[in-house]
Protein backbone atom coordinates (compact mmCIF):
# COMPACT_ATOMS: atom_id res chain seq x y z
CA MET A 1 55.46 1.97 -39.63
CA LEU A 2 53.08 -1.02 -40.58
CA ARG A 3 52.32 -1.44 -37.00
CA PHE A 4 51.58 2.23 -36.50
CA ALA A 5 48.80 2.22 -39.30
CA GLN A 6 47.38 -1.25 -37.34
CA LEU A 7 47.08 0.86 -34.31
CA ALA A 8 45.45 3.49 -35.95
CA ARG A 9 42.96 1.50 -37.38
CA GLN A 10 41.94 -0.21 -34.28
CA SER A 11 41.64 3.15 -32.25
CA THR A 12 38.93 4.28 -35.17
CA ARG A 13 37.01 0.89 -35.10
CA GLN A 14 36.72 1.46 -31.08
CA THR A 15 35.50 4.77 -31.42
CA THR A 16 32.79 4.63 -34.21
CA ARG A 17 30.49 1.35 -33.60
CA HIS A 18 28.42 0.73 -36.22
CA TYR A 19 25.75 -1.64 -35.26
CA ALA A 20 21.73 -0.61 -35.05
CA THR A 21 20.55 0.82 -31.98
CA LYS A 22 17.23 0.96 -30.93
CA SER A 23 15.65 3.93 -32.40
CA LYS A 24 14.25 6.85 -30.20
CA THR A 25 11.32 7.72 -32.20
CA THR A 26 7.77 5.87 -31.24
CA ASN A 27 5.92 3.28 -33.16
CA LEU A 28 3.68 5.85 -35.35
CA THR A 29 1.82 2.91 -36.66
CA SER A 30 -0.05 2.21 -33.53
CA LYS A 31 -3.54 2.69 -33.16
CA ALA A 32 -5.05 4.46 -29.68
CA ARG A 33 -6.67 2.07 -27.40
CA VAL A 34 -9.66 4.24 -26.78
CA PRO A 35 -12.36 5.33 -28.80
CA THR A 36 -11.57 8.10 -30.92
CA GLU A 37 -13.36 10.56 -33.48
CA GLU A 38 -11.59 11.97 -36.41
CA GLN A 39 -12.15 15.51 -38.40
CA VAL A 40 -10.85 16.94 -40.81
CA LEU A 41 -10.09 20.95 -40.67
CA PRO A 42 -10.71 23.30 -43.43
CA ASP A 43 -6.61 23.28 -43.55
CA GLY A 44 -6.66 19.90 -44.20
CA SER A 45 -4.87 18.83 -40.92
CA ILE A 46 -6.87 15.94 -38.89
CA PHE A 47 -8.35 16.93 -35.27
CA ILE A 48 -8.73 13.33 -33.16
CA THR A 49 -10.53 13.31 -30.05
CA ARG A 50 -11.30 10.86 -27.75
CA LEU A 51 -14.47 9.47 -26.62
CA PRO A 52 -15.72 8.95 -23.03
CA LEU A 53 -15.49 5.26 -22.45
CA SER A 54 -18.55 5.15 -20.25
CA THR A 55 -21.76 7.07 -20.08
CA PRO A 56 -22.82 9.14 -17.17
CA GLU A 57 -25.79 6.53 -16.78
CA THR A 58 -23.65 3.38 -16.50
CA SER A 59 -21.25 5.05 -14.33
CA LYS A 60 -23.75 5.63 -11.62
CA ALA A 61 -25.13 2.11 -11.71
CA ALA A 62 -21.28 0.80 -11.20
CA PRO A 63 -20.43 0.04 -7.49
CA LEU A 64 -18.15 2.06 -5.61
CA LEU A 65 -14.88 1.30 -5.36
CA ARG A 66 -13.93 2.71 -1.46
CA LYS A 67 -16.61 2.49 1.04
CA SER A 68 -17.30 5.79 2.04
CA ALA A 69 -15.15 7.04 5.20
CA GLN A 70 -18.15 8.70 6.95
CA ALA A 71 -20.70 5.94 6.83
CA GLY A 72 -19.85 3.96 9.61
CA SER A 73 -17.72 6.61 11.57
CA LYS A 74 -20.12 8.70 14.27
CA LYS A 75 -18.65 10.98 16.82
CA LEU A 76 -17.98 9.99 20.26
CA GLY A 77 -18.49 11.39 23.49
CA HIS A 78 -15.71 12.15 26.11
CA ALA A 79 -17.64 9.11 28.27
CA GLU A 80 -17.22 6.68 25.29
CA ILE A 81 -13.47 7.50 24.81
CA ALA A 82 -12.93 6.57 28.58
CA GLU A 83 -14.68 3.38 28.48
CA LEU A 84 -12.95 2.67 24.75
CA ARG A 85 -9.76 3.36 26.81
CA LYS A 86 -10.70 1.48 30.16
CA LEU A 87 -12.01 -1.62 27.91
CA ARG A 88 -8.39 -1.39 25.87
CA ALA A 89 -6.26 -1.06 29.34
CA GLU A 90 -8.03 -4.11 30.80
CA ASP A 91 -7.65 -6.72 28.35
CA PRO A 92 -5.87 -5.65 25.39
CA ALA A 93 -6.26 -9.11 23.78
CA LYS A 94 -9.82 -9.49 24.00
CA TRP A 95 -10.45 -5.55 22.71
CA THR A 96 -8.62 -5.52 19.97
CA ARG A 97 -8.80 -2.15 17.57
CA LYS A 98 -11.05 -4.03 15.41
CA ALA A 99 -13.84 -5.03 18.31
CA LEU A 100 -13.79 -1.60 19.68
CA ALA A 101 -14.04 -0.26 16.48
CA GLN A 102 -17.32 -2.28 15.91
CA ARG A 103 -18.55 -1.96 19.27
CA PHE A 104 -18.09 2.00 19.50
CA GLY A 105 -18.93 2.41 15.97
CA CYS A 106 -16.03 3.96 14.73
CA SER A 107 -12.68 3.53 12.46
CA GLU A 108 -9.92 1.08 13.48
CA PHE A 109 -7.71 4.01 13.08
CA PHE A 110 -9.84 6.20 15.60
CA VAL A 111 -9.58 3.60 18.28
CA SER A 112 -5.66 3.20 17.81
CA ILE A 113 -5.45 7.29 18.44
CA ALA A 114 -8.27 7.40 21.12
CA ALA A 115 -6.79 4.29 23.58
CA GLY A 116 -3.07 4.62 23.09
CA LYS A 117 -0.49 2.04 22.87
CA LYS A 118 -0.79 -1.47 24.62
CA GLN A 119 0.46 -1.54 28.41
CA LEU A 120 4.11 -2.59 28.73
CA PRO A 121 4.66 -5.15 31.37
CA THR A 122 5.16 -3.94 34.83
CA THR A 123 6.89 -7.06 36.40
CA GLU A 124 10.43 -7.67 35.15
CA ALA A 125 9.87 -11.36 34.10
CA GLU A 126 6.62 -10.29 31.56
CA GLN A 127 9.12 -7.38 30.42
CA VAL A 128 11.67 -10.29 29.17
CA LEU A 129 9.02 -12.53 28.02
CA SER A 130 7.32 -9.61 26.16
CA GLU A 131 10.95 -8.85 24.50
CA ALA A 132 11.38 -12.55 23.68
CA GLY A 133 10.81 -14.16 20.69
CA TYR A 134 7.65 -17.02 20.09
CA ARG A 135 9.50 -19.91 20.82
CA LYS A 136 11.00 -18.45 23.77
CA LYS A 137 7.37 -17.44 24.76
CA VAL A 138 6.22 -20.68 24.31
CA ILE A 139 9.09 -22.38 25.91
CA SER A 140 8.41 -20.88 29.42
CA GLU A 141 4.96 -21.08 29.49
CA ASN A 142 5.12 -24.66 28.96
CA LYS A 143 8.32 -24.51 31.95
CA VAL A 144 5.57 -22.71 33.92
CA LYS A 145 2.75 -25.12 33.29
CA ARG A 146 5.05 -28.39 33.90
CA ARG A 147 6.59 -26.58 37.45
CA ALA A 148 2.48 -26.37 38.41
CA LEU A 149 1.88 -29.85 37.93
CA TRP A 150 4.82 -31.02 40.36
């Protein structure tokens, strides 16, 4: 009988825990971090309104957060787009998206759309080099240079 009573007490201890838990209510003593104005209404309640952080004059004088998208962009004709594609196809290492965007006065995004992807290598050796990592590329280039010196 004693053992049964001890088991019953232990099972009730496991189900009811008496320790402090974090309160679900917010901290009502904190103040707002923005300037506010309080008005007492006729029924006795308080109406709180936020005040603006800046005036229209100061916001006009502030610098822009982003450059406008239309500032450096212009519409390119068919001839300019054809030249852009030709330059990109000739030497993609020299004519990068940034260089082409500066030359034609358009965005890099437009260059990537108009010029398309870089040309894939045509020979089998170039294809193996393009798939290889940086170290393999350097090693194979050094090997070619050494053979040329023989």
